[in-house]
Amino acid sequence: MAKIRVLQACNQLGIGGTEKTIQVFSKYLDRSRFELFACGLRAGGPRADELAKLGVTVIVRPPDLDALIRDLKIDIYHVYRAGDYEPGTLPRKHDGRPKIVETNVFNAIDPAENSLIDAHVFFSEWSRMDYLSKYCRFPGQRYDVLYGPIDFEEFAPVRREFAWTIGRCSRTDDQKWHRACVDMLPKVWKKVPQMRCRFRGATDKVRARLREMGLEDRVELTEPTVDVADFYAGLDVYTHGARVGEGYGVVLAEAMASRLPVVTIATPQRKKCNAQAEVVEDNVTGFVVRYGWQYAGAVIELLENRELRERFAERGYEKAREQFEASRLTRKLEALYTDVMDRGRA
C-alpha cells in the first residue's frame, strides 16, 4: 500500500509550542505508513534543523503553495494556524485533494475558506467547546481534541535536591508573559528570602519591569533555546502565566512531565483563552489562581510545603503520562489521518 503523504505547515518553524508539536508528531508518526514533509510558510527557524534531523523534508517560504502540494503529491495538508482567514495558508483542492486538517490554535473561524477544511483539531477541550459555542458544526467536518504531545524521552527522571528555585520559560513574546509572574516576586522574597528565580525568554518589557522593581540582578535571565529539559530539571516550582491565556500550554505539560508542581493564573475574560485551567487542575496538580494578588501566596505555599509540592508533582506527572504522552496522541493523529483519507475513498 502506498504511503500517505503528509505536509505539516505553520507560519514559521520557531521554538514555540505549536512548532514543537509538529516536531514531536513527526518523530512518532509511523514512517511505514506516512511520508512526512514540513513547511514554514513565512519563515524557517530552529525547528527546521530539528525536523531535518528526524529525516523530514523541510520547505521554507514556498513561492507557490499549490505547486508545492502538486509537486510533492501531498495527500493530507495539516496546517497549524490561528483559525481565521490567512491568505495563502490553504491550498486549492483538485478532485477533493489534498485533504485539509487544521489545528486551530486560537479558536477563530475562517469565513472565506472554512468549507475547504475536512477536520478541525483543537489543543484542548476548552478550545473546542469555545469554538463550537461561537460557531456551528458544518456537515462532513470533524472537530477533534488532540493535546500537544510530550516526548517523555526528552524528560528523563531527575533526582532533585530542593533549592528553593522557581522559574518559567517561553518564547520572547509579551503575550506569553502575565504581569503576575513578575509582580509577585517581592512578596515571595519577603517571605522566602532564600528563593531563587530563573526566567528563560524574558521580553524587553519584562526586563524593564524587573529593573523598575530593582530585581534585575536577582533574577537569572537566559535566552530561549530548543532544548528545555535541563531548565525544568533546575526548578522546584514552575510559575506560569500568559497575558492572553493558553489554548493548551505546551510548557505546562512539559513541566508536569518533569514532575514540577505548577502555579498559573486563570484568564476567564472575554476573548482570552483559559485552557491552562484544564491542563493544570487546581489543587490537584498545582494552583490556578483567579487573581494576581493570590499568585505570591500560591508560590510561597508550594515552596514551604514539601508534602504538597511532592503530591502535586506526582499527580501532574501521572496526568501528563495519561493524557499528553506523545506515542499515544500520535496514534490518535494517525487514526484521524486515516479516517480523513477513507472518507475521500467512500
C-alpha atoms as a PDB file:
ATOM      1  CA  MET A   1       0.000   0.000   0.000  1.00  0.00           C
ATOM      2  CA  ALA A   2       1.306   3.457  -0.882  1.00  0.00           C
ATOM      3  CA  LYS A   3       2.258   5.709   1.985  1.00  0.00           C
ATOM      4  CA  ILE A   4       0.035   8.654   2.873  1.00  0.00           C
ATOM      5  CA  ARG A   5       1.986  11.799   2.080  1.00  0.00           C
ATOM      6  CA  VAL A   6       1.520  14.441   4.798  1.00  0.00           C
ATOM      7  CA  LEU A   7       2.667  18.053   4.789  1.00  0.00           C
ATOM      8  CA  GLN A   8       2.564  19.761   8.203  1.00  0.00           C
ATOM      9  CA  ALA A   9       2.765  23.542   7.944  1.00  0.00           C
ATOM     10  CA  CYS A  10       2.733  26.673  10.086  1.00  0.00           C
ATOM     11  CA  ASN A  11       3.830  30.249   9.531  1.00  0.00           C
ATOM     12  CA  GLN A  12       7.320  29.770  10.955  1.00  0.00           C
ATOM     13  CA  LEU A  13       9.404  26.985  12.444  1.00  0.00           C
ATOM     14  CA  GLY A  14      10.495  28.752  15.624  1.00  0.00           C
ATOM     15  CA  ILE A  15      10.778  27.488  19.193  1.00  0.00           C
ATOM     16  CA  GLY A  16       7.127  27.893  20.182  1.00  0.00           C
ATOM     17  CA  GLY A  17       4.855  25.126  21.385  1.00  0.00           C
ATOM     18  CA  THR A  18       2.951  24.844  18.110  1.00  0.00           C
ATOM     19  CA  GLU A  19       6.152  24.226  16.189  1.00  0.00           C
ATOM     20  CA  LYS A  20       7.292  21.727  18.804  1.00  0.00           C
ATOM     21  CA  THR A  21       4.039  19.848  18.313  1.00  0.00           C
ATOM     22  CA  ILE A  22       4.944  19.402  14.647  1.00  0.00           C
ATOM     23  CA  GLN A  23       8.405  18.186  15.646  1.00  0.00           C
ATOM     24  CA  VAL A  24       7.188  15.629  18.187  1.00  0.00           C
ATOM     25  CA  PHE A  25       4.424  14.268  15.973  1.00  0.00           C
ATOM     26  CA  SER A  26       6.986  13.944  13.172  1.00  0.00           C
ATOM     27  CA  LYS A  27       9.186  11.862  15.450  1.00  0.00           C
ATOM     28  CA  TYR A  28       6.423   9.432  16.382  1.00  0.00           C
ATOM     29  CA  LEU A  29       4.357   9.116  13.194  1.00  0.00           C
ATOM     30  CA  ASP A  30       4.691   5.646  11.650  1.00  0.00           C
ATOM     31  CA  ARG A  31       7.068   6.087   8.710  1.00  0.00           C
ATOM     32  CA  SER A  32       5.996   2.772   7.225  1.00  0.00           C
ATOM     33  CA  ARG A  33       2.578   4.348   6.619  1.00  0.00           C
ATOM     34  CA  PHE A  34       3.289   8.061   6.288  1.00  0.00           C
ATOM     35  CA  GLU A  35       5.732  10.101   4.209  1.00  0.00           C
ATOM     36  CA  LEU A  36       6.379  13.351   6.068  1.00  0.00           C
ATOM     37  CA  PHE A  37       7.115  16.896   4.976  1.00  0.00           C
ATOM     38  CA  ALA A  38       7.154  20.144   6.958  1.00  0.00           C
ATOM     39  CA  CYS A  39       6.828  23.728   5.830  1.00  0.00           C
ATOM     40  CA  GLY A  40       7.440  27.169   7.288  1.00  0.00           C
ATOM     41  CA  LEU A  41       5.043  29.191   5.168  1.00  0.00           C
ATOM     42  CA  ARG A  42       6.548  32.567   6.097  1.00  0.00           C
ATOM     43  CA  ALA A  43       9.902  31.732   7.700  1.00  0.00           C
ATOM     44  CA  GLY A  44      12.165  28.987   8.964  1.00  0.00           C
ATOM     45  CA  GLY A  45      13.703  28.804  12.419  1.00  0.00           C
ATOM     46  CA  PRO A  46      15.372  26.400  14.869  1.00  0.00           C
ATOM     47  CA  ARG A  47      12.722  23.711  14.429  1.00  0.00           C
ATOM     48  CA  ALA A  48      13.687  23.350  10.773  1.00  0.00           C
ATOM     49  CA  ASP A  49      17.008  21.822  11.824  1.00  0.00           C
ATOM     50  CA  GLU A  50      15.317  19.587  14.408  1.00  0.00           C
ATOM     51  CA  LEU A  51      12.870  18.310  11.799  1.00  0.00           C
ATOM     52  CA  ALA A  52      15.668  17.676   9.330  1.00  0.00           C
ATOM     53  CA  LYS A  53      17.448  15.557  11.970  1.00  0.00           C
ATOM     54  CA  LEU A  54      14.330  13.388  12.072  1.00  0.00           C
ATOM     55  CA  GLY A  55      14.572  12.805   8.332  1.00  0.00           C
ATOM     56  CA  VAL A  56      11.686  15.119   7.488  1.00  0.00           C
ATOM     57  CA  THR A  57      11.933  17.097   4.258  1.00  0.00           C
ATOM     58  CA  VAL A  58      11.607  20.783   5.211  1.00  0.00           C
ATOM     59  CA  ILE A  59      10.464  23.568   2.888  1.00  0.00           C
ATOM     60  CA  VAL A  60      10.703  27.236   3.870  1.00  0.00           C
ATOM     61  CA  ARG A  61       8.750  30.068   2.243  1.00  0.00           C
ATOM     62  CA  PRO A  62       7.438  28.200  -0.801  1.00  0.00           C
ATOM     63  CA  PRO A  63       6.678  30.688  -3.585  1.00  0.00           C
ATOM     64  CA  ASP A  64       3.584  28.741  -4.630  1.00  0.00           C
ATOM     65  CA  LEU A  65       1.811  26.502  -2.097  1.00  0.00           C
ATOM     66  CA  ASP A  66      -0.416  24.911  -4.722  1.00  0.00           C
ATOM     67  CA  ALA A  67       2.591  23.995  -6.851  1.00  0.00           C
ATOM     68  CA  LEU A  68       4.361  22.558  -3.801  1.00  0.00           C
ATOM     69  CA  ILE A  69       1.337  20.408  -2.953  1.00  0.00           C
ATOM     70  CA  ARG A  70       1.171  19.199  -6.530  1.00  0.00           C
ATOM     71  CA  ASP A  71       4.899  18.521  -6.915  1.00  0.00           C
ATOM     72  CA  LEU A  72       5.142  16.590  -3.631  1.00  0.00           C
ATOM     73  CA  LYS A  73       1.905  14.701  -4.384  1.00  0.00           C
ATOM     74  CA  ILE A  74       0.572  15.586  -0.939  1.00  0.00           C
ATOM     75  CA  ASP A  75      -2.451  13.619   0.282  1.00  0.00           C
ATOM     76  CA  ILE A  76      -3.005  15.484   3.573  1.00  0.00           C
ATOM     77  CA  TYR A  77      -2.154  19.103   4.242  1.00  0.00           C
ATOM     78  CA  HIS A  78      -2.113  19.702   8.016  1.00  0.00           C
ATOM     79  CA  VAL A  79      -1.874  23.402   8.821  1.00  0.00           C
ATOM     80  CA  TYR A  80      -1.415  24.920  12.280  1.00  0.00           C
ATOM     81  CA  ARG A  81      -2.820  28.458  12.384  1.00  0.00           C
ATOM     82  CA  ALA A  82      -4.932  30.898  14.404  1.00  0.00           C
ATOM     83  CA  GLY A  83      -8.124  29.744  12.691  1.00  0.00           C
ATOM     84  CA  ASP A  84      -9.210  32.943  10.992  1.00  0.00           C
ATOM     85  CA  TYR A  85      -8.645  33.803   7.341  1.00  0.00           C
ATOM     86  CA  GLU A  86      -4.958  33.963   6.456  1.00  0.00           C
ATOM     87  CA  PRO A  87      -4.426  34.368   2.709  1.00  0.00           C
ATOM     88  CA  GLY A  88      -2.032  31.825   1.280  1.00  0.00           C
ATOM     89  CA  THR A  89      -2.219  29.293   4.125  1.00  0.00           C
ATOM     90  CA  LEU A  90      -4.699  26.893   2.494  1.00  0.00           C
ATOM     91  CA  PRO A  91      -4.193  25.278  -0.912  1.00  0.00           C
ATOM     92  CA  ARG A  92      -6.774  24.900  -3.621  1.00  0.00           C
ATOM     93  CA  LYS A  93      -8.300  21.451  -3.982  1.00  0.00           C
ATOM     94  CA  HIS A  94      -8.428  19.354  -7.140  1.00  0.00           C
ATOM     95  CA  ASP A  95     -10.802  16.382  -7.163  1.00  0.00           C
ATOM     96  CA  GLY A  96     -11.076  16.612  -3.387  1.00  0.00           C
ATOM     97  CA  ARG A  97      -7.318  16.588  -2.761  1.00  0.00           C
ATOM     98  CA  PRO A  98      -5.411  17.334  -0.689  1.00  0.00           C
ATOM     99  CA  LYS A  99      -7.427  16.570   2.392  1.00  0.00           C
ATOM    100  CA  ILE A 100      -7.037  19.512   4.771  1.00  0.00           C
ATOM    101  CA  VAL A 101      -6.607  19.189   8.529  1.00  0.00           C
ATOM    102  CA  GLU A 102      -6.458  22.418  10.510  1.00  0.00           C
ATOM    103  CA  THR A 103      -5.113  22.637  14.051  1.00  0.00           C
ATOM    104  CA  ASN A 104      -6.964  25.729  15.215  1.00  0.00           C
ATOM    105  CA  VAL A 105      -4.761  27.457  17.802  1.00  0.00           C
ATOM    106  CA  PHE A 106      -6.982  30.394  18.802  1.00  0.00           C
ATOM    107  CA  ASN A 107     -10.490  29.035  18.120  1.00  0.00           C
ATOM    108  CA  ALA A 108     -11.268  31.503  15.343  1.00  0.00           C
ATOM    109  CA  ILE A 109     -13.184  30.713  12.152  1.00  0.00           C
ATOM    110  CA  ASP A 110     -12.215  31.281   8.543  1.00  0.00           C
ATOM    111  CA  PRO A 111     -15.412  32.525   6.859  1.00  0.00           C
ATOM    112  CA  ALA A 112     -13.800  32.550   3.428  1.00  0.00           C
ATOM    113  CA  GLU A 113     -12.244  29.081   3.239  1.00  0.00           C
ATOM    114  CA  ASN A 114     -13.817  27.053   6.037  1.00  0.00           C
ATOM    115  CA  SER A 115     -15.546  24.789   3.525  1.00  0.00           C
ATOM    116  CA  LEU A 116     -12.154  23.503   2.350  1.00  0.00           C
ATOM    117  CA  ILE A 117     -11.306  22.026   5.765  1.00  0.00           C
ATOM    118  CA  ASP A 118     -12.014  18.328   6.356  1.00  0.00           C
ATOM    119  CA  ALA A 119     -11.064  18.155  10.044  1.00  0.00           C
ATOM    120  CA  HIS A 120     -10.638  20.792  12.728  1.00  0.00           C
ATOM    121  CA  VAL A 121      -8.277  19.902  15.577  1.00  0.00           C
ATOM    122  CA  PHE A 122      -8.079  21.785  18.867  1.00  0.00           C
ATOM    123  CA  PHE A 123      -5.344  21.702  21.503  1.00  0.00           C
ATOM    124  CA  SER A 124      -7.838  21.330  24.375  1.00  0.00           C
ATOM    125  CA  GLU A 125     -11.456  20.554  25.154  1.00  0.00           C
ATOM    126  CA  TRP A 126     -11.812  24.150  26.348  1.00  0.00           C
ATOM    127  CA  SER A 127     -10.761  25.375  22.902  1.00  0.00           C
ATOM    128  CA  ARG A 128     -13.089  23.004  21.079  1.00  0.00           C
ATOM    129  CA  MET A 129     -16.090  23.984  23.194  1.00  0.00           C
ATOM    130  CA  ASP A 130     -15.249  27.674  22.879  1.00  0.00           C
ATOM    131  CA  TYR A 131     -15.205  27.300  19.085  1.00  0.00           C
ATOM    132  CA  LEU A 132     -18.438  25.299  18.897  1.00  0.00           C
ATOM    133  CA  SER A 133     -20.231  27.715  21.228  1.00  0.00           C
ATOM    134  CA  LYS A 134     -19.426  30.589  18.862  1.00  0.00           C
ATOM    135  CA  TYR A 135     -19.847  28.819  15.529  1.00  0.00           C
ATOM    136  CA  CYS A 136     -21.871  25.890  14.276  1.00  0.00           C
ATOM    137  CA  ARG A 137     -20.765  22.460  13.141  1.00  0.00           C
ATOM    138  CA  PHE A 138     -20.503  22.042   9.403  1.00  0.00           C
ATOM    139  CA  PRO A 139     -21.647  18.761   7.833  1.00  0.00           C
ATOM    140  CA  GLY A 140     -18.866  16.384   6.876  1.00  0.00           C
ATOM    141  CA  GLN A 141     -16.226  18.090   9.032  1.00  0.00           C
ATOM    142  CA  ARG A 142     -14.579  16.611  12.129  1.00  0.00           C
ATOM    143  CA  TYR A 143     -13.989  18.546  15.361  1.00  0.00           C
ATOM    144  CA  ASP A 144     -11.376  16.755  17.455  1.00  0.00           C
ATOM    145  CA  VAL A 145      -9.278  17.470  20.540  1.00  0.00           C
ATOM    146  CA  LEU A 146      -5.629  16.500  20.330  1.00  0.00           C
ATOM    147  CA  TYR A 147      -3.358  17.809  23.065  1.00  0.00           C
ATOM    148  CA  GLY A 148       0.164  18.866  22.199  1.00  0.00           C
ATOM    149  CA  PRO A 149       2.311  15.711  22.506  1.00  0.00           C
ATOM    150  CA  ILE A 150       5.003  15.427  25.174  1.00  0.00           C
ATOM    151  CA  ASP A 151       8.071  13.353  24.340  1.00  0.00           C
ATOM    152  CA  PHE A 152       8.933  11.609  27.608  1.00  0.00           C
ATOM    153  CA  GLU A 153      12.256  10.518  26.131  1.00  0.00           C
ATOM    154  CA  GLU A 154      13.225  14.187  26.357  1.00  0.00           C
ATOM    155  CA  PHE A 155      12.264  14.471  30.018  1.00  0.00           C
ATOM    156  CA  ALA A 156      14.157  11.697  31.741  1.00  0.00           C
ATOM    157  CA  PRO A 157      13.625  11.363  35.513  1.00  0.00           C
ATOM    158  CA  VAL A 158      15.988  13.548  37.545  1.00  0.00           C
ATOM    159  CA  ARG A 159      16.982  13.496  41.188  1.00  0.00           C
ATOM    160  CA  ARG A 160      16.302  16.949  42.566  1.00  0.00           C
ATOM    161  CA  GLU A 161      17.970  18.492  45.555  1.00  0.00           C
ATOM    162  CA  PHE A 162      15.483  21.100  46.731  1.00  0.00           C
ATOM    163  CA  ALA A 163      16.984  24.559  46.178  1.00  0.00           C
ATOM    164  CA  TRP A 164      14.034  26.945  46.614  1.00  0.00           C
ATOM    165  CA  THR A 165      14.052  27.640  42.870  1.00  0.00           C
ATOM    166  CA  ILE A 166      11.130  28.875  40.821  1.00  0.00           C
ATOM    167  CA  GLY A 167      11.027  29.845  37.161  1.00  0.00           C
ATOM    168  CA  ARG A 168       9.407  29.721  33.775  1.00  0.00           C
ATOM    169  CA  CYS A 169      10.317  29.617  30.089  1.00  0.00           C
ATOM    170  CA  SER A 170       8.677  30.748  26.872  1.00  0.00           C
ATOM    171  CA  ARG A 171       9.423  32.391  23.590  1.00  0.00           C
ATOM    172  CA  THR A 172      10.087  36.124  23.825  1.00  0.00           C
ATOM    173  CA  ASP A 173       6.544  37.345  23.262  1.00  0.00           C
ATOM    174  CA  ASP A 174       4.760  39.718  25.635  1.00  0.00           C
ATOM    175  CA  GLN A 175       1.530  37.797  25.117  1.00  0.00           C
ATOM    176  CA  LYS A 176       3.205  34.839  26.834  1.00  0.00           C
ATOM    177  CA  TRP A 177       4.050  36.848  29.971  1.00  0.00           C
ATOM    178  CA  HIS A 178       1.413  37.722  32.546  1.00  0.00           C
ATOM    179  CA  ARG A 179       2.395  40.582  34.819  1.00  0.00           C
ATOM    180  CA  ALA A 180       1.531  38.495  37.886  1.00  0.00           C
ATOM    181  CA  CYS A 181       4.582  36.298  37.215  1.00  0.00           C
ATOM    182  CA  VAL A 182       6.841  39.290  37.812  1.00  0.00           C
ATOM    183  CA  ASP A 183       4.893  41.385  40.292  1.00  0.00           C
ATOM    184  CA  MET A 184       4.689  38.532  42.806  1.00  0.00           C
ATOM    185  CA  LEU A 185       8.475  38.368  43.268  1.00  0.00           C
ATOM    186  CA  PRO A 186       8.935  40.985  46.052  1.00  0.00           C
ATOM    187  CA  LYS A 187       6.188  39.364  48.135  1.00  0.00           C
ATOM    188  CA  VAL A 188       7.743  35.923  47.781  1.00  0.00           C
ATOM    189  CA  TRP A 189      11.253  37.161  48.576  1.00  0.00           C
ATOM    190  CA  LYS A 190       9.964  38.942  51.667  1.00  0.00           C
ATOM    191  CA  LYS A 191       8.566  35.656  52.984  1.00  0.00           C
ATOM    192  CA  VAL A 192      11.162  33.312  51.447  1.00  0.00           C
ATOM    193  CA  PRO A 193      14.420  35.312  51.147  1.00  0.00           C
ATOM    194  CA  GLN A 194      16.391  32.246  50.042  1.00  0.00           C
ATOM    195  CA  MET A 195      14.249  31.835  46.920  1.00  0.00           C
ATOM    196  CA  ARG A 196      15.980  31.728  43.540  1.00  0.00           C
ATOM    197  CA  CYS A 197      14.241  32.735  40.305  1.00  0.00           C
ATOM    198  CA  ARG A 198      15.026  31.852  36.694  1.00  0.00           C
ATOM    199  CA  PHE A 199      13.337  33.319  33.632  1.00  0.00           C
ATOM    200  CA  ARG A 200      14.078  31.999  30.153  1.00  0.00           C
ATOM    201  CA  GLY A 201      12.788  34.085  27.255  1.00  0.00           C
ATOM    202  CA  ALA A 202      12.036  37.302  29.162  1.00  0.00           C
ATOM    203  CA  THR A 203      10.913  40.105  26.856  1.00  0.00           C
ATOM    204  CA  ASP A 204      12.223  43.665  26.907  1.00  0.00           C
ATOM    205  CA  LYS A 205       9.048  44.666  28.728  1.00  0.00           C
ATOM    206  CA  VAL A 206       9.626  42.039  31.421  1.00  0.00           C
ATOM    207  CA  ARG A 207      13.251  43.094  31.823  1.00  0.00           C
ATOM    208  CA  ALA A 208      12.173  46.731  32.143  1.00  0.00           C
ATOM    209  CA  ARG A 209       9.679  45.785  34.843  1.00  0.00           C
ATOM    210  CA  LEU A 210      12.391  43.912  36.749  1.00  0.00           C
ATOM    211  CA  ARG A 211      14.657  46.972  36.561  1.00  0.00           C
ATOM    212  CA  GLU A 212      11.813  49.186  37.727  1.00  0.00           C
ATOM    213  CA  MET A 213      11.367  46.918  40.753  1.00  0.00           C
ATOM    214  CA  GLY A 214      15.114  46.732  41.389  1.00  0.00           C
ATOM    215  CA  LEU A 215      15.155  42.980  40.791  1.00  0.00           C
ATOM    216  CA  GLU A 216      17.034  42.509  37.529  1.00  0.00           C
ATOM    217  CA  ASP A 217      20.192  41.338  39.300  1.00  0.00           C
ATOM    218  CA  ARG A 218      18.249  38.882  41.452  1.00  0.00           C
ATOM    219  CA  VAL A 219      16.626  37.000  38.565  1.00  0.00           C
ATOM    220  CA  GLU A 220      18.662  34.665  36.375  1.00  0.00           C
ATOM    221  CA  LEU A 221      17.797  35.620  32.796  1.00  0.00           C
ATOM    222  CA  THR A 222      18.607  33.391  29.825  1.00  0.00           C
ATOM    223  CA  GLU A 223      17.609  33.280  26.183  1.00  0.00           C
ATOM    224  CA  PRO A 224      15.120  30.687  24.880  1.00  0.00           C
ATOM    225  CA  THR A 225      16.525  27.501  23.376  1.00  0.00           C
ATOM    226  CA  VAL A 226      15.203  24.417  21.638  1.00  0.00           C
ATOM    227  CA  ASP A 227      16.394  22.155  24.458  1.00  0.00           C
ATOM    228  CA  VAL A 228      14.452  22.763  27.666  1.00  0.00           C
ATOM    229  CA  ALA A 229      14.764  19.599  29.775  1.00  0.00           C
ATOM    230  CA  ASP A 230      17.760  20.894  31.739  1.00  0.00           C
ATOM    231  CA  PHE A 231      15.886  24.100  32.516  1.00  0.00           C
ATOM    232  CA  TYR A 232      12.963  22.238  34.056  1.00  0.00           C
ATOM    233  CA  ALA A 233      15.373  19.975  35.938  1.00  0.00           C
ATOM    234  CA  GLY A 234      16.811  23.035  37.684  1.00  0.00           C
ATOM    235  CA  LEU A 235      13.459  24.167  39.117  1.00  0.00           C
ATOM    236  CA  ASP A 236      11.375  23.193  42.128  1.00  0.00           C
ATOM    237  CA  VAL A 237       8.193  25.071  41.188  1.00  0.00           C
ATOM    238  CA  TYR A 238       7.076  26.121  37.721  1.00  0.00           C
ATOM    239  CA  THR A 239       5.486  29.582  37.616  1.00  0.00           C
ATOM    240  CA  HIS A 240       3.311  30.233  34.586  1.00  0.00           C
ATOM    241  CA  GLY A 241       1.068  32.961  33.304  1.00  0.00           C
ATOM    242  CA  ALA A 242       0.181  34.175  29.813  1.00  0.00           C
ATOM    243  CA  ARG A 243      -1.403  37.575  29.256  1.00  0.00           C
ATOM    244  CA  VAL A 244      -3.824  36.208  26.658  1.00  0.00           C
ATOM    245  CA  GLY A 245      -4.241  32.819  28.319  1.00  0.00           C
ATOM    246  CA  GLU A 246      -3.450  29.452  26.765  1.00  0.00           C
ATOM    247  CA  GLY A 247      -5.279  27.307  24.254  1.00  0.00           C
ATOM    248  CA  TYR A 248      -3.220  24.491  25.790  1.00  0.00           C
ATOM    249  CA  GLY A 249       0.243  25.452  27.002  1.00  0.00           C
ATOM    250  CA  VAL A 250       2.973  23.008  25.979  1.00  0.00           C
ATOM    251  CA  VAL A 251       5.246  24.365  28.728  1.00  0.00           C
ATOM    252  CA  LEU A 252       2.641  23.425  31.343  1.00  0.00           C
ATOM    253  CA  ALA A 253       2.510  19.830  30.147  1.00  0.00           C
ATOM    254  CA  GLU A 254       6.312  19.702  29.918  1.00  0.00           C
ATOM    255  CA  ALA A 255       6.651  20.992  33.479  1.00  0.00           C
ATOM    256  CA  MET A 256       4.230  18.331  34.686  1.00  0.00           C
ATOM    257  CA  ALA A 257       6.157  15.675  32.744  1.00  0.00           C
ATOM    258  CA  SER A 258       9.244  16.928  34.587  1.00  0.00           C
ATOM    259  CA  ARG A 259       7.486  16.331  37.932  1.00  0.00           C
ATOM    260  CA  LEU A 260       7.094  20.008  38.763  1.00  0.00           C
ATOM    261  CA  PRO A 261       4.132  21.496  40.625  1.00  0.00           C
ATOM    262  CA  VAL A 262       2.704  24.418  38.678  1.00  0.00           C
ATOM    263  CA  VAL A 263       1.280  27.802  39.584  1.00  0.00           C
ATOM    264  CA  THR A 264      -0.697  29.573  36.865  1.00  0.00           C
ATOM    265  CA  ILE A 265      -3.365  32.250  36.646  1.00  0.00           C
ATOM    266  CA  ALA A 266      -6.826  31.925  35.132  1.00  0.00           C
ATOM    267  CA  THR A 267      -7.856  34.236  32.296  1.00  0.00           C
ATOM    268  CA  PRO A 268     -11.644  33.866  32.029  1.00  0.00           C
ATOM    269  CA  GLN A 269     -12.060  37.284  30.458  1.00  0.00           C
ATOM    270  CA  ARG A 270     -13.851  37.589  27.139  1.00  0.00           C
ATOM    271  CA  LYS A 271     -11.633  36.971  24.097  1.00  0.00           C
ATOM    272  CA  LYS A 272      -8.963  35.235  26.206  1.00  0.00           C
ATOM    273  CA  CYS A 273      -8.150  31.535  26.256  1.00  0.00           C
ATOM    274  CA  ASN A 274      -8.361  29.701  29.567  1.00  0.00           C
ATOM    275  CA  ALA A 275      -7.271  26.140  28.809  1.00  0.00           C
ATOM    276  CA  GLN A 276      -4.453  26.394  31.357  1.00  0.00           C
ATOM    277  CA  ALA A 277      -7.175  25.635  33.918  1.00  0.00           C
ATOM    278  CA  GLU A 278      -7.857  22.382  32.044  1.00  0.00           C
ATOM    279  CA  VAL A 279      -4.230  21.305  31.805  1.00  0.00           C
ATOM    280  CA  VAL A 280      -3.404  22.254  35.409  1.00  0.00           C
ATOM    281  CA  GLU A 281      -6.100  21.031  37.792  1.00  0.00           C
ATOM    282  CA  ASP A 282      -6.429  23.430  40.680  1.00  0.00           C
ATOM    283  CA  ASN A 283      -5.342  21.924  43.993  1.00  0.00           C
ATOM    284  CA  VAL A 284      -4.563  18.624  42.250  1.00  0.00           C
ATOM    285  CA  THR A 285      -1.523  19.183  40.019  1.00  0.00           C
ATOM    286  CA  GLY A 286      -0.879  22.784  41.026  1.00  0.00           C
ATOM    287  CA  PHE A 287      -2.617  26.056  41.766  1.00  0.00           C
ATOM    288  CA  VAL A 288      -4.741  28.010  39.287  1.00  0.00           C
ATOM    289  CA  VAL A 289      -5.198  31.375  40.971  1.00  0.00           C
ATOM    290  CA  ARG A 290      -8.050  33.651  39.970  1.00  0.00           C
ATOM    291  CA  TYR A 291      -6.429  36.997  40.782  1.00  0.00           C
ATOM    292  CA  GLY A 292      -2.907  38.353  40.549  1.00  0.00           C
ATOM    293  CA  TRP A 293      -2.785  39.168  44.263  1.00  0.00           C
ATOM    294  CA  GLN A 294      -3.184  35.443  45.030  1.00  0.00           C
ATOM    295  CA  TYR A 295      -0.161  34.411  42.981  1.00  0.00           C
ATOM    296  CA  ALA A 296       2.598  35.049  45.536  1.00  0.00           C
ATOM    297  CA  GLY A 297       0.737  33.141  48.240  1.00  0.00           C
ATOM    298  CA  ALA A 298       0.429  30.089  45.994  1.00  0.00           C
ATOM    299  CA  VAL A 299       4.160  30.126  45.238  1.00  0.00           C
ATOM    300  CA  ILE A 300       5.053  30.570  48.907  1.00  0.00           C
ATOM    301  CA  GLU A 301       2.830  27.675  49.935  1.00  0.00           C
ATOM    302  CA  LEU A 302       4.498  25.314  47.474  1.00  0.00           C
ATOM    303  CA  LEU A 303       7.992  26.405  48.461  1.00  0.00           C
ATOM    304  CA  GLU A 304       7.279  25.916  52.148  1.00  0.00           C
ATOM    305  CA  ASN A 305       5.125  22.777  51.996  1.00  0.00           C
ATOM    306  CA  ARG A 306       7.185  19.801  50.873  1.00  0.00           C
ATOM    307  CA  GLU A 307       4.348  17.274  51.126  1.00  0.00           C
ATOM    308  CA  LEU A 308       2.034  19.391  48.980  1.00  0.00           C
ATOM    309  CA  ARG A 309       4.781  20.153  46.473  1.00  0.00           C
ATOM    310  CA  GLU A 310       5.607  16.478  46.019  1.00  0.00           C
ATOM    311  CA  ARG A 311       1.944  15.443  45.826  1.00  0.00           C
ATOM    312  CA  PHE A 312       1.171  17.976  43.107  1.00  0.00           C
ATOM    313  CA  ALA A 313       4.327  16.987  41.226  1.00  0.00           C
ATOM    314  CA  GLU A 314       3.466  13.284  41.228  1.00  0.00           C
ATOM    315  CA  ARG A 315      -0.148  13.818  40.221  1.00  0.00           C
ATOM    316  CA  GLY A 316       0.956  16.162  37.467  1.00  0.00           C
ATOM    317  CA  TYR A 317       3.370  13.561  36.160  1.00  0.00           C
ATOM    318  CA  GLU A 318       0.649  10.906  36.182  1.00  0.00           C
ATOM    319  CA  LYS A 319      -1.732  13.186  34.285  1.00  0.00           C
ATOM    320  CA  ALA A 320       0.934  14.047  31.724  1.00  0.00           C
ATOM    321  CA  ARG A 321       1.643  10.349  31.183  1.00  0.00           C
ATOM    322  CA  GLU A 322      -2.029   9.548  30.810  1.00  0.00           C
ATOM    323  CA  GLN A 323      -3.172  12.450  28.639  1.00  0.00           C
ATOM    324  CA  PHE A 324      -0.185  14.082  26.920  1.00  0.00           C
ATOM    325  CA  GLU A 325       2.258  11.247  26.118  1.00  0.00           C
ATOM    326  CA  ALA A 326       3.488  11.508  22.526  1.00  0.00           C
ATOM    327  CA  SER A 327       3.102   7.978  21.184  1.00  0.00           C
ATOM    328  CA  ARG A 328      -0.480   7.716  22.463  1.00  0.00           C
ATOM    329  CA  LEU A 329      -1.501  11.034  20.914  1.00  0.00           C
ATOM    330  CA  THR A 330       0.281  10.186  17.675  1.00  0.00           C
ATOM    331  CA  ARG A 331      -1.806   7.029  17.304  1.00  0.00           C
ATOM    332  CA  LYS A 332      -4.894   9.262  17.544  1.00  0.00           C
ATOM    333  CA  LEU A 333      -3.486  11.573  14.881  1.00  0.00           C
ATOM    334  CA  GLU A 334      -2.760   8.602  12.621  1.00  0.00           C
ATOM    335  CA  ALA A 335      -6.344   7.402  13.061  1.00  0.00           C
ATOM    336  CA  LEU A 336      -7.621  10.862  12.151  1.00  0.00           C
ATOM    337  CA  TYR A 337      -5.447  10.971   9.031  1.00  0.00           C
ATOM    338  CA  THR A 338      -6.635   7.504   8.005  1.00  0.00           C
ATOM    339  CA  ASP A 339     -10.286   8.400   8.547  1.00  0.00           C
ATOM    340  CA  VAL A 340      -9.971  11.584   6.512  1.00  0.00           C
ATOM    341  CA  MET A 341      -8.418   9.621   3.655  1.00  0.00           C
ATOM    342  CA  ASP A 342     -11.031   6.849   3.877  1.00  0.00           C
ATOM    343  CA  ARG A 343     -13.820   9.401   3.639  1.00  0.00           C
ATOM    344  CA  GLY A 344     -12.340  10.521   0.371  1.00  0.00           C
ATOM    345  CA  ARG A 345     -12.420   6.975  -0.991  1.00  0.00           C
ATOM    346  CA  ALA A 346     -16.040   6.389   0.019  1.00  0.00           C
END
